[in-house]
Amino acid sequence: MKHLPVPDNPDRLNSNNQNLQRELDNMRQRLHESEFRSQSIIESIPHIVWYADSTGAITYFNQQWFQITGLEAAVSFGNNFLQAIHIEDREYARKTWQQAVQQQQNYEAEFRLIQADGSFFWILASAQPSFDIQGKLIQWVGTYTNINKFKETSNKTALNIIDCELSKTELSESEEKFRATFERAAVGIAHVNLDGRWLRVNQKVCEIVGYSSEEMLQLTFQDITHPDDLEEDLNYVRRLFAGEIDSFTMEKRYIHKDGSIVWVEITPTLWRDDNTHEPKYYIAVIEEIAERKKAQDELKKRVEELAQVNMVLARTAGLLGKRNQELDQFAYVASHDLKAPLRAIANLSEWLEEDLANKLPEENKHQFNLLRGRVYRMEALIDGLLEYSRIGRIQHVLESVDVGKLLTEIIDEIAPPENFIIEVEAGMPVFFTKKLPLRQIFRNLISNAIKHHNGTVGHIKISVKEQDKFYEFSVTDDGPGIAPEYYEKIFTIFQTLQARDKKENIGVGLSLVKKILDNEGCYINIESQLNQGTKFTFNWHK
């Protein structure tokens, strides 16, 4: 086996190690700050924001999703989001999303989202793929935007158009009624000649573009359409005239009388003679959408900001991963080279004791046992250091965790003494989380309660309380308790309350628990008094 060279000078090794650790700590701090800024942006957006992995499985929703749908995290991720979509739109939503994921292209679709009270509203779903510096798809960043009011407006518009599509006879009989409806419509309505001249406009159209009705009748729609949008508009009109489409809806820009830009959504249809079916004129419904475009632009800006943040995070994570890999390799080699002479010392002491079995005084045998005890403690210390150094540097996948089953596995693994009763409260949750760190926390707290108990009979109780955004777990024992002045000390690495010769302990277990929780943005509290047992309480995000 090849090993990395280890410096002969211990001071130099220690200095290099400290420099590397400081560099890693600084990188972690910058990464946490970036994550905080990213999270703040996400939660400030008044839309549903979500992430999906490279396979298209949803891995994250902001709080808007849970407030609107009433669903919990455990039933929202993966492909479970489809259950919140109207059953008539579900297959369409699934197919369009699957197609976008396969092609790794921007995604956009409209469908209905079911709210917590059973009602539903229309949303615009959009997502952009995020790639790393090698061009590999990392994840998707998406949003759901409420477009219900625009759908309602479109429906009302369609009704208005139907009302306006009267035959000549009906029109002459109800001219006043038509005029009133035409002028009072909440959206702009216009009749446009086949060459583009305005034939009739209501007051709403005049308000949108700033011209009087008399001025409008001297213009064509081409005159006030932004040049960059004109060709697309004309292409749609040609297809409408040719009968290829019955109507169309598009967003375009009009040039206001004062020269400013006005964003509108237009829906034209072609009016044909009832008898000859010859085209007569266009009926256009025009709605100003400045606020919608502003919201869309702001949303697009926010999504682009998120994409930039994700790219920075990806680059930082890549650099940090490389550093972590180097540190892991160094730690592995260093621990191997440190453990090898320790094992040799233990073996040599056993051989000496066997060779001098009949000649060795009891005092010397005791000293050999102490020597081997120190060796085993040193090996445990090295293992603890390795485990402590890896916290926060290893990415853990989210998976469904049954905490009740997890605790059963841990208790079986620890194999507590027969006279110890470990009681697990009913109702332990099942939820998506990082299994290994949660397992480490429970294992260390339970082992700690058993190891430091001062009696032959002990009782440990594990309970849980569900809060709004997290679960609060407690591990309570009836052991010797801890004086309040030592509360901080017990979470410091290598700190023990009893001499190591009296109670074999390297002082790493609780410091591991504290570091894991700090890394996850969680806390741990202690309640204890001498001779009254100890209760550790920690929270864990849902």
Protein backbone atom coordinates (compact mmCIF):
# COMPACT_ATOMS: atom_id res chain seq x y z
CA MET A 1 0.00 0.00 0.00
CA LYS A 2 1.31 3.44 -0.96
CA HIS A 3 1.22 6.17 1.66
CA LEU A 4 1.43 9.92 1.42
CA PRO A 5 4.69 11.24 2.83
CA VAL A 6 4.27 12.45 6.41
CA PRO A 7 6.59 15.31 7.47
CA ASP A 8 9.25 14.38 9.98
CA ASN A 9 8.73 17.66 11.84
CA PRO A 10 5.55 17.38 13.99
CA ASP A 11 5.35 21.19 14.36
CA ARG A 12 5.33 21.62 10.59
CA LEU A 13 2.65 18.93 10.23
CA ASN A 14 0.55 20.64 12.89
CA SER A 15 1.01 24.06 11.25
CA ASN A 16 0.03 22.72 7.79
CA ASN A 17 -2.97 20.99 9.31
CA GLN A 18 -4.10 24.18 11.04
CA ASN A 19 -3.71 26.23 7.85
CA LEU A 20 -5.71 23.67 5.88
CA GLN A 21 -8.42 23.60 8.55
CA ARG A 22 -8.65 27.41 8.60
CA GLU A 23 -8.98 27.46 4.81
CA LEU A 24 -11.75 24.85 4.96
CA ASP A 25 -13.54 26.72 7.76
CA ASN A 26 -13.45 29.94 5.69
CA MET A 27 -14.83 28.12 2.67
CA ARG A 28 -17.62 26.59 4.78
CA GLN A 29 -18.47 30.04 6.17
CA ARG A 30 -18.70 31.53 2.66
CA LEU A 31 -20.80 28.56 1.53
CA HIS A 32 -23.20 29.02 4.48
CA GLU A 33 -23.50 32.76 3.72
CA SER A 34 -24.30 32.01 0.06
CA GLU A 35 -26.88 29.42 1.09
CA PHE A 36 -28.47 31.93 3.51
CA ARG A 37 -28.72 34.61 0.83
CA SER A 38 -30.16 32.09 -1.62
CA GLN A 39 -32.72 30.91 0.92
CA SER A 40 -33.72 34.52 1.72
CA ILE A 41 -34.35 35.23 -1.98
CA ILE A 42 -36.41 32.07 -2.36
CA GLU A 43 -38.63 32.76 0.65
CA SER A 44 -39.19 36.41 -0.38
CA ILE A 45 -40.63 35.45 -3.79
CA PRO A 46 -44.47 35.47 -3.74
CA HIS A 47 -44.57 32.36 -5.91
CA ILE A 48 -44.01 28.67 -5.41
CA VAL A 49 -40.30 27.90 -5.96
CA TRP A 50 -39.03 24.35 -6.33
CA TYR A 51 -35.91 22.35 -7.10
CA ALA A 52 -35.66 19.01 -8.90
CA ASP A 53 -32.68 16.73 -9.34
CA SER A 54 -31.24 15.76 -12.73
CA THR A 55 -33.84 12.97 -13.11
CA GLY A 56 -36.74 15.40 -12.62
CA ALA A 57 -37.63 14.27 -9.08
CA ILE A 58 -38.68 17.19 -6.86
CA THR A 59 -36.25 17.70 -3.95
CA TYR A 60 -37.42 21.05 -2.51
CA PHE A 61 -40.40 23.40 -2.26
CA ASN A 62 -40.46 26.78 -0.54
CA GLN A 63 -43.12 27.47 2.12
CA GLN A 64 -45.58 28.84 -0.48
CA TRP A 65 -46.19 25.25 -1.70
CA PHE A 66 -47.06 23.89 1.73
CA GLN A 67 -49.28 26.87 2.61
CA ILE A 68 -51.24 26.67 -0.65
CA THR A 69 -51.57 22.88 -1.07
CA GLY A 70 -51.69 21.92 2.60
CA LEU A 71 -49.40 18.96 1.83
CA GLU A 72 -46.52 17.92 4.06
CA ALA A 73 -42.93 17.47 2.92
CA ALA A 74 -43.11 13.68 3.25
CA VAL A 75 -45.80 13.51 0.53
CA SER A 76 -44.61 16.35 -1.72
CA PHE A 77 -41.22 15.31 -3.07
CA GLY A 78 -40.17 12.94 -5.85
CA ASN A 79 -43.08 12.67 -8.30
CA ASN A 80 -45.70 13.05 -5.55
CA PHE A 81 -46.26 16.71 -6.57
CA LEU A 82 -48.64 15.39 -9.25
CA GLN A 83 -51.29 14.66 -6.60
CA ALA A 84 -51.69 18.44 -6.10
CA ILE A 85 -52.54 18.93 -9.80
CA HIS A 86 -56.12 18.77 -11.06
CA ILE A 87 -56.87 15.20 -12.18
CA GLU A 88 -57.82 16.39 -15.69
CA ASP A 89 -54.43 18.11 -16.09
CA ARG A 90 -52.27 15.52 -14.32
CA GLU A 91 -51.23 13.45 -17.34
CA TYR A 92 -50.47 16.58 -19.38
CA ALA A 93 -48.32 17.97 -16.54
CA ARG A 94 -46.46 14.69 -16.21
CA LYS A 95 -45.76 14.31 -19.95
CA THR A 96 -44.64 17.90 -20.53
CA TRP A 97 -42.31 17.80 -17.49
CA GLN A 98 -40.90 14.40 -18.53
CA GLN A 99 -40.24 15.70 -22.06
CA ALA A 100 -38.40 18.79 -20.74
CA VAL A 101 -36.25 16.63 -18.44
CA GLN A 102 -35.34 14.22 -21.24
CA GLN A 103 -34.41 17.07 -23.60
CA GLN A 104 -32.78 19.17 -20.82
CA GLN A 105 -34.59 22.24 -22.13
CA ASN A 106 -36.53 25.05 -20.47
CA TYR A 107 -39.95 23.92 -19.23
CA GLU A 108 -43.27 25.80 -19.41
CA ALA A 109 -46.83 24.56 -18.96
CA GLU A 110 -50.23 25.73 -17.70
CA PHE A 111 -52.46 23.57 -15.48
CA ARG A 112 -54.66 23.75 -12.39
CA LEU A 113 -53.29 23.40 -8.85
CA ILE A 114 -55.50 22.05 -6.05
CA GLN A 115 -55.54 24.12 -2.85
CA ALA A 116 -55.81 22.82 0.71
CA ASP A 117 -59.58 23.52 0.79
CA GLY A 118 -60.19 21.51 -2.39
CA SER A 119 -60.58 24.50 -4.71
CA PHE A 120 -58.15 25.03 -7.57
CA PHE A 121 -56.58 27.80 -9.66
CA TRP A 122 -54.55 28.05 -12.87
CA ILE A 123 -50.76 28.26 -12.65
CA LEU A 124 -47.93 28.83 -15.09
CA ALA A 125 -45.21 26.26 -14.38
CA SER A 126 -41.72 27.09 -15.61
CA ALA A 127 -38.25 25.71 -14.91
CA GLN A 128 -34.68 26.11 -16.10
CA PRO A 129 -31.95 23.44 -16.03
CA SER A 130 -28.76 24.25 -14.10
CA PHE A 131 -25.45 22.86 -15.34
CA ASP A 132 -22.01 22.61 -13.72
CA ILE A 133 -18.82 23.93 -15.29
CA GLN A 134 -18.38 20.65 -17.21
CA GLY A 135 -21.85 21.04 -18.75
CA LYS A 136 -23.40 18.26 -16.67
CA LEU A 137 -27.00 18.79 -15.56
CA ILE A 138 -27.05 19.34 -11.78
CA GLN A 139 -30.64 20.26 -11.03
CA TRP A 140 -33.71 22.22 -12.10
CA VAL A 141 -34.89 25.54 -10.63
CA GLY A 142 -38.61 26.09 -11.15
CA THR A 143 -41.57 28.27 -10.20
CA TYR A 144 -45.38 28.04 -10.16
CA THR A 145 -47.09 31.41 -10.86
CA ASN A 146 -50.80 32.08 -10.25
CA ILE A 147 -52.40 33.10 -13.57
CA ASN A 148 -55.99 32.47 -12.54
CA LYS A 149 -57.13 36.07 -13.00
CA PHE A 150 -55.76 36.10 -16.55
CA LYS A 151 -57.62 32.88 -17.34
CA GLU A 152 -60.82 34.37 -15.96
CA THR A 153 -60.29 37.50 -18.06
CA SER A 154 -59.79 35.35 -21.17
CA ASN A 155 -63.07 33.54 -20.50
CA LYS A 156 -64.92 36.82 -20.01
CA THR A 157 -63.31 38.12 -23.18
CA ALA A 158 -64.52 35.13 -25.14
CA LEU A 159 -68.05 35.77 -23.92
CA ASN A 160 -67.78 39.43 -24.92
CA ILE A 161 -66.62 38.42 -28.39
CA ILE A 162 -69.56 36.04 -28.77
CA ASP A 163 -71.91 38.77 -27.65
CA CYS A 164 -70.38 41.11 -30.23
CA GLU A 165 -70.57 38.62 -33.12
CA LEU A 166 -74.08 39.53 -34.09
CA SER A 167 -75.52 39.36 -37.53
CA LYS A 168 -76.24 42.66 -39.31
CA THR A 169 -79.93 42.35 -38.61
CA GLU A 170 -79.42 41.70 -34.90
CA LEU A 171 -76.87 44.52 -34.75
CA SER A 172 -79.28 47.05 -36.22
CA GLU A 173 -82.02 45.93 -33.83
CA SER A 174 -79.84 46.28 -30.74
CA GLU A 175 -77.37 49.01 -31.66
CA GLU A 176 -77.74 50.83 -28.36
CA LYS A 177 -77.33 47.67 -26.32
CA PHE A 178 -74.25 46.70 -28.30
CA ARG A 179 -72.72 50.16 -27.97
CA ALA A 180 -73.23 50.11 -24.21
CA THR A 181 -71.63 46.66 -23.92
CA PHE A 182 -68.81 47.65 -26.25
CA GLU A 183 -67.95 50.83 -24.35
CA ARG A 184 -68.31 49.45 -20.83
CA ALA A 185 -66.15 46.36 -21.35
CA ALA A 186 -63.37 45.98 -18.78
CA VAL A 187 -60.90 45.19 -21.56
CA GLY A 188 -60.11 46.89 -24.85
CA ILE A 189 -62.26 45.80 -27.81
CA ALA A 190 -61.67 46.89 -31.39
CA HIS A 191 -62.81 46.16 -34.91
CA VAL A 192 -59.91 46.21 -37.37
CA ASN A 193 -60.15 46.26 -41.16
CA LEU A 194 -58.42 43.54 -43.18
CA ASP A 195 -55.65 46.01 -44.11
CA GLY A 196 -55.04 46.88 -40.44
CA ARG A 197 -57.06 50.13 -40.16
CA TRP A 198 -58.95 50.64 -36.90
CA LEU A 199 -62.70 50.68 -37.64
CA ARG A 200 -64.05 50.96 -34.10
CA VAL A 201 -62.38 51.09 -30.68
CA ASN A 202 -63.84 51.35 -27.22
CA GLN A 203 -62.65 53.75 -24.54
CA LYS A 204 -60.44 51.15 -22.91
CA VAL A 205 -58.31 50.83 -26.06
CA CYS A 206 -57.91 54.62 -26.16
CA GLU A 207 -56.79 54.63 -22.51
CA ILE A 208 -54.21 51.92 -23.23
CA VAL A 209 -52.51 53.65 -26.18
CA GLY A 210 -53.21 57.32 -25.33
CA TYR A 211 -55.02 58.26 -28.57
CA SER A 212 -58.58 59.52 -28.94
CA SER A 213 -61.04 57.37 -30.88
CA GLU A 214 -60.92 59.87 -33.76
CA GLU A 215 -57.10 59.68 -33.87
CA MET A 216 -57.20 55.88 -33.77
CA LEU A 217 -59.45 55.71 -36.83
CA GLN A 218 -56.71 57.49 -38.82
CA LEU A 219 -54.13 54.83 -37.89
CA THR A 220 -53.45 51.13 -38.52
CA PHE A 221 -52.44 48.59 -35.91
CA GLN A 222 -49.09 48.42 -37.73
CA ASP A 223 -48.52 52.12 -36.95
CA ILE A 224 -48.56 51.62 -33.19
CA THR A 225 -47.05 48.12 -32.98
CA HIS A 226 -43.43 47.94 -31.83
CA PRO A 227 -41.19 47.09 -34.85
CA ASP A 228 -39.65 44.12 -33.05
CA ASP A 229 -43.10 42.53 -32.58
CA LEU A 230 -44.66 43.41 -35.92
CA GLU A 231 -43.41 40.46 -38.00
CA GLU A 232 -44.67 37.88 -35.48
CA ASP A 233 -48.02 39.69 -35.30
CA LEU A 234 -48.39 39.75 -39.10
CA ASN A 235 -47.52 36.06 -39.39
CA TYR A 236 -50.35 35.21 -36.98
CA VAL A 237 -52.75 37.46 -38.92
CA ARG A 238 -51.85 35.76 -42.23
CA ARG A 239 -52.54 32.32 -40.70
CA LEU A 240 -55.84 33.60 -39.27
CA PHE A 241 -56.89 34.99 -42.65
CA ALA A 242 -55.91 31.73 -44.39
CA GLY A 243 -58.07 29.72 -41.98
CA GLU A 244 -55.13 27.83 -40.50
CA ILE A 245 -56.14 28.97 -37.02
CA ASP A 246 -59.43 30.22 -35.55
CA SER A 247 -57.82 32.79 -33.25
CA PHE A 248 -54.56 33.45 -31.47
CA THR A 249 -53.28 35.14 -28.33
CA MET A 250 -49.95 36.87 -28.11
CA GLU A 251 -48.11 39.36 -25.96
CA LYS A 252 -46.80 42.39 -27.85
CA ARG A 253 -45.78 46.01 -27.39
CA TYR A 254 -47.73 49.04 -28.52
CA ILE A 255 -46.08 52.44 -28.82
CA HIS A 256 -48.06 54.90 -26.69
CA LYS A 257 -48.85 58.34 -28.06
CA ASP A 258 -46.23 59.81 -25.70
CA GLY A 259 -43.59 57.39 -27.07
CA SER A 260 -43.54 55.02 -24.12
CA ILE A 261 -43.89 51.24 -24.45
CA VAL A 262 -47.15 49.53 -23.45
CA TRP A 263 -47.26 45.74 -23.03
CA VAL A 264 -50.59 44.19 -24.07
CA GLU A 265 -52.11 40.78 -24.66
CA ILE A 266 -54.26 40.63 -27.78
CA THR A 267 -56.73 37.94 -28.87
CA PRO A 268 -58.00 38.54 -32.45
CA THR A 269 -60.65 36.53 -34.30
CA LEU A 270 -61.76 36.91 -37.91
CA TRP A 271 -65.37 37.95 -38.57
CA ARG A 272 -66.77 36.33 -41.74
CA ASP A 273 -70.01 36.99 -43.63
CA ASP A 274 -72.71 34.53 -42.51
CA ASN A 275 -73.73 33.73 -46.05
CA THR A 276 -70.60 33.97 -48.18
CA HIS A 277 -68.09 33.25 -45.38
CA GLU A 278 -65.92 35.96 -46.86
CA PRO A 279 -63.62 37.68 -44.33
CA LYS A 280 -65.00 41.05 -43.27
CA TYR A 281 -62.88 42.39 -40.39
CA TYR A 282 -61.04 41.36 -37.27
CA ILE A 283 -62.40 41.57 -33.73
CA ALA A 284 -59.55 42.13 -31.26
CA VAL A 285 -59.66 41.94 -27.48
CA ILE A 286 -56.80 43.95 -25.97
CA GLU A 287 -55.67 43.83 -22.34
CA GLU A 288 -52.86 45.85 -20.81
CA ILE A 289 -50.46 43.54 -18.95
CA ALA A 290 -47.84 45.93 -17.62
CA GLU A 291 -48.14 44.59 -14.07
CA ARG A 292 -47.98 40.99 -15.25
CA LYS A 293 -44.88 41.68 -17.38
CA LYS A 294 -43.28 43.50 -14.47
CA ALA A 295 -43.94 40.50 -12.23
CA GLN A 296 -42.68 38.09 -14.90
CA ASP A 297 -39.53 40.16 -15.45
CA GLU A 298 -38.94 40.31 -11.71
CA LEU A 299 -39.52 36.59 -11.44
CA LYS A 300 -37.17 35.92 -14.36
CA LYS A 301 -34.57 38.13 -12.70
CA ARG A 302 -34.96 36.24 -9.44
CA VAL A 303 -34.69 32.87 -11.23
CA GLU A 304 -31.54 34.07 -13.01
CA GLU A 305 -30.14 35.22 -9.66
CA LEU A 306 -30.92 31.80 -8.23
CA ALA A 307 -29.24 30.14 -11.19
CA GLN A 308 -26.14 32.33 -10.65
CA VAL A 309 -26.14 31.49 -6.95
CA ASN A 310 -26.44 27.81 -7.81
CA MET A 311 -23.50 28.06 -10.23
CA VAL A 312 -21.39 29.73 -7.53
CA LEU A 313 -22.47 27.09 -5.05
CA ALA A 314 -21.65 24.34 -7.54
CA ARG A 315 -18.16 25.77 -8.16
CA THR A 316 -17.59 26.29 -4.44
CA ALA A 317 -18.85 22.81 -3.69
CA GLY A 318 -16.52 21.38 -6.34
CA LEU A 319 -13.50 23.16 -4.87
CA LEU A 320 -14.56 22.23 -1.35
CA GLY A 321 -15.09 18.63 -2.46
CA LYS A 322 -11.56 18.50 -3.85
CA ARG A 323 -10.16 19.92 -0.60
CA ASN A 324 -12.26 17.49 1.40
CA GLN A 325 -10.99 14.59 -0.68
CA GLU A 326 -7.39 15.66 -0.10
CA LEU A 327 -8.04 16.05 3.62
CA ASP A 328 -9.76 12.66 3.81
CA GLN A 329 -6.83 11.01 2.06
CA PHE A 330 -4.36 12.71 4.37
CA ALA A 331 -6.41 11.79 7.45
CA TYR A 332 -6.70 8.17 6.34
CA VAL A 333 -2.97 7.79 5.73
CA ALA A 334 -2.09 9.64 8.92
CA SER A 335 -4.45 7.51 11.00
CA HIS A 336 -3.15 4.31 9.41
CA ASP A 337 0.45 5.29 10.12
CA LEU A 338 -0.45 6.26 13.67
CA LYS A 339 -2.44 3.11 14.40
CA ALA A 340 0.23 0.74 13.05
CA PRO A 341 2.80 1.37 15.86
CA LEU A 342 0.00 1.39 18.44
CA ARG A 343 -1.10 -2.08 17.39
CA ALA A 344 2.55 -3.19 17.49
CA ILE A 345 2.90 -1.88 21.07
CA ALA A 346 -0.24 -3.76 22.15
CA ASN A 347 0.95 -6.97 20.51
CA LEU A 348 4.46 -6.68 21.99
CA SER A 349 3.04 -6.14 25.48
CA GLU A 350 0.90 -9.27 25.15
CA TRP A 351 3.87 -11.32 23.91
CA LEU A 352 6.08 -10.10 26.76
CA GLU A 353 3.36 -10.91 29.26
CA GLU A 354 2.97 -14.41 27.81
CA ASP A 355 6.77 -15.04 27.81
CA LEU A 356 7.13 -13.85 31.41
CA ALA A 357 3.87 -15.33 32.64
CA ASN A 358 5.41 -17.20 35.60
CA LYS A 359 7.99 -14.57 36.46
CA LEU A 360 5.94 -11.36 36.16
CA PRO A 361 4.70 -9.81 39.42
CA GLU A 362 1.03 -8.82 39.66
CA GLU A 363 1.97 -5.16 39.75
CA ASN A 364 3.73 -5.48 36.38
CA LYS A 365 0.75 -7.36 34.91
CA HIS A 366 -1.46 -4.48 36.01
CA GLN A 367 0.93 -2.06 34.34
CA PHE A 368 0.79 -4.05 31.10
CA ASN A 369 -3.03 -3.85 31.22
CA LEU A 370 -2.81 -0.09 31.76
CA LEU A 371 -0.43 0.16 28.80
CA ARG A 372 -2.83 -1.68 26.49
CA GLY A 373 -5.72 0.41 27.80
CA ARG A 374 -3.85 3.56 26.77
CA VAL A 375 -3.22 2.04 23.32
CA TYR A 376 -6.90 1.21 22.81
CA ARG A 377 -7.88 4.69 24.01
CA MET A 378 -5.46 6.24 21.51
CA GLU A 379 -6.96 4.18 18.67
CA ALA A 380 -10.46 5.27 19.72
CA LEU A 381 -9.25 8.85 19.86
CA ILE A 382 -7.90 8.66 16.30
CA ASP A 383 -11.21 7.17 15.07
CA GLY A 384 -13.14 9.89 16.89
CA LEU A 385 -10.98 12.61 15.34
CA LEU A 386 -11.60 11.21 11.86
CA GLU A 387 -15.35 11.06 12.42
CA TYR A 388 -15.38 14.59 13.88
CA SER A 389 -13.38 16.03 10.96
CA ARG A 390 -15.78 14.57 8.37
CA ILE A 391 -18.90 16.24 9.75
CA GLY A 392 -20.13 18.86 7.29
CA ARG A 393 -17.83 17.64 4.51
CA ILE A 394 -19.85 14.62 3.42
CA GLN A 395 -23.08 15.09 1.45
CA HIS A 396 -25.94 12.89 2.66
CA VAL A 397 -28.92 12.03 0.46
CA LEU A 398 -32.48 12.60 1.59
CA GLU A 399 -34.37 9.39 2.16
CA SER A 400 -37.51 8.21 3.90
CA VAL A 401 -36.66 7.46 7.54
CA ASP A 402 -38.89 5.63 10.02
CA VAL A 403 -37.45 6.94 13.30
CA GLY A 404 -39.08 4.13 15.32
CA LYS A 405 -37.35 1.46 13.22
CA LEU A 406 -34.10 3.46 13.28
CA LEU A 407 -34.10 3.52 17.09
CA THR A 408 -34.79 -0.22 17.24
CA GLU A 409 -31.75 -0.85 15.01
CA ILE A 410 -29.55 1.42 17.17
CA ILE A 411 -30.63 -0.22 20.45
CA ASP A 412 -30.01 -3.71 19.02
CA GLU A 413 -26.57 -2.58 17.86
CA ILE A 414 -25.63 -1.06 21.24
CA ALA A 415 -26.93 -4.14 23.12
CA PRO A 416 -27.54 -2.42 26.50
CA PRO A 417 -27.20 -4.39 29.77
CA GLU A 418 -30.20 -6.55 30.66
CA ASN A 419 -31.13 -4.32 33.60
CA PHE A 420 -31.42 -1.24 31.37
CA ILE A 421 -34.86 -0.38 30.04
CA ILE A 422 -34.94 1.81 26.91
CA GLU A 423 -38.45 3.11 26.30
CA VAL A 424 -39.30 4.54 22.86
CA GLU A 425 -42.43 6.67 22.89
CA ALA A 426 -45.13 5.72 20.36
CA GLY A 427 -45.76 7.95 17.35
CA MET A 428 -42.19 8.40 16.10
CA PRO A 429 -42.35 10.18 12.72
CA VAL A 430 -41.64 8.91 9.22
CA PHE A 431 -40.22 11.64 6.99
CA PHE A 432 -37.62 12.50 4.34
CA THR A 433 -34.31 13.44 5.96
CA LYS A 434 -30.59 12.64 6.22
CA LYS A 435 -30.51 9.26 7.89
CA LEU A 436 -26.84 8.85 8.84
CA PRO A 437 -26.39 12.12 10.82
CA LEU A 438 -29.66 11.49 12.71
CA ARG A 439 -28.48 7.96 13.48
CA GLN A 440 -25.14 9.27 14.82
CA ILE A 441 -26.94 11.69 17.15
CA PHE A 442 -29.27 9.06 18.66
CA ARG A 443 -26.50 6.47 18.96
CA ASN A 444 -24.16 8.83 20.83
CA LEU A 445 -26.86 10.11 23.19
CA ILE A 446 -28.10 6.60 24.06
CA SER A 447 -24.55 5.22 24.45
CA ASN A 448 -23.63 8.22 26.59
CA ALA A 449 -26.61 7.62 28.90
CA ILE A 450 -25.64 3.96 29.38
CA LYS A 451 -21.88 4.54 29.73
CA HIS A 452 -22.17 7.21 32.41
CA HIS A 453 -24.96 5.64 34.46
CA ASN A 454 -23.93 5.06 38.08
CA GLY A 455 -26.22 2.14 38.82
CA THR A 456 -26.80 -1.44 37.72
CA VAL A 457 -30.41 -0.72 36.77
CA GLY A 458 -31.24 2.14 34.43
CA HIS A 459 -34.14 3.66 32.53
CA ILE A 460 -33.86 5.70 29.30
CA LYS A 461 -36.85 7.29 27.58
CA ILE A 462 -36.89 8.65 24.02
CA SER A 463 -39.78 10.96 23.08
CA VAL A 464 -40.78 13.39 20.32
CA LYS A 465 -42.89 16.54 19.88
CA GLU A 466 -43.96 17.80 16.44
CA GLN A 467 -43.47 21.52 15.84
CA ASP A 468 -44.30 23.68 12.82
CA LYS A 469 -41.07 23.20 10.87
CA PHE A 470 -39.18 20.59 12.88
CA TYR A 471 -39.39 17.62 15.23
CA GLU A 472 -38.13 17.99 18.81
CA PHE A 473 -36.59 14.76 20.16
CA SER A 474 -35.64 14.09 23.79
CA VAL A 475 -33.41 11.42 25.38
CA THR A 476 -33.93 11.26 29.14
CA ASP A 477 -32.06 9.04 31.64
CA ASP A 478 -32.14 8.48 35.42
CA GLY A 479 -28.36 8.56 35.81
CA PRO A 480 -26.12 10.65 38.11
CA GLY A 481 -26.97 13.95 36.42
CA ILE A 482 -24.71 16.87 35.52
CA ALA A 483 -24.14 20.05 37.50
CA PRO A 484 -25.16 23.22 35.58
CA GLU A 485 -21.62 24.62 35.62
CA TYR A 486 -20.51 21.74 33.37
CA TYR A 487 -23.23 22.13 30.70
CA GLU A 488 -20.90 23.84 28.19
CA LYS A 489 -17.88 21.69 29.00
CA ILE A 490 -19.51 18.39 28.04
CA PHE A 491 -19.94 19.53 24.42
CA THR A 492 -16.24 20.44 24.05
CA ILE A 493 -14.14 17.84 22.27
CA PHE A 494 -11.82 15.75 24.52
CA GLN A 495 -13.49 17.14 27.67
CA THR A 496 -14.65 14.58 30.26
CA LEU A 497 -16.15 15.03 33.71
CA GLN A 498 -14.41 11.97 35.15
CA ALA A 499 -10.77 10.95 34.94
CA ARG A 500 -10.21 8.64 31.99
CA ASP A 501 -8.59 6.06 34.28
CA LYS A 502 -11.83 5.79 36.25
CA LYS A 503 -14.24 5.86 33.32
CA GLU A 504 -12.90 4.95 29.87
CA ASN A 505 -14.01 7.86 27.66
CA ILE A 506 -12.27 9.92 24.96
CA GLY A 507 -14.68 12.87 25.19
CA VAL A 508 -15.78 12.95 21.54
CA GLY A 509 -19.39 11.62 21.55
CA LEU A 510 -21.30 14.72 22.68
CA SER A 511 -19.02 17.05 20.71
CA LEU A 512 -19.92 15.01 17.59
CA VAL A 513 -23.61 15.47 18.37
CA LYS A 514 -23.17 19.22 18.83
CA LYS A 515 -21.18 19.64 15.60
CA ILE A 516 -23.72 17.65 13.53
CA LEU A 517 -26.59 19.78 14.84
CA ASP A 518 -24.66 23.03 14.32
CA ASN A 519 -23.94 21.98 10.74
CA GLU A 520 -27.66 21.32 10.14
CA GLY A 521 -28.73 24.62 11.73
CA CYS A 522 -30.29 22.84 14.71
CA TYR A 523 -29.80 23.10 18.48
CA ILE A 524 -29.39 20.84 21.54
CA ASN A 525 -30.36 21.69 25.12
CA ILE A 526 -29.63 19.95 28.40
CA GLU A 527 -31.72 19.80 31.58
CA SER A 528 -30.00 18.14 34.52
CA GLN A 529 -29.15 18.33 38.20
CA LEU A 530 -26.86 16.13 40.26
CA ASN A 531 -28.52 12.81 41.22
CA GLN A 532 -31.66 13.72 39.22
CA GLY A 533 -30.88 12.32 35.80
CA THR A 534 -30.29 14.14 32.50
CA LYS A 535 -32.51 15.16 29.60
CA PHE A 536 -31.01 16.06 26.20
CA THR A 537 -33.41 17.77 23.76
CA PHE A 538 -32.57 18.53 20.14
CA ASN A 539 -34.57 19.68 17.11
CA TRP A 540 -34.38 18.25 13.58
CA HIS A 541 -35.83 19.98 10.51
CA LYS A 542 -38.74 18.31 8.76
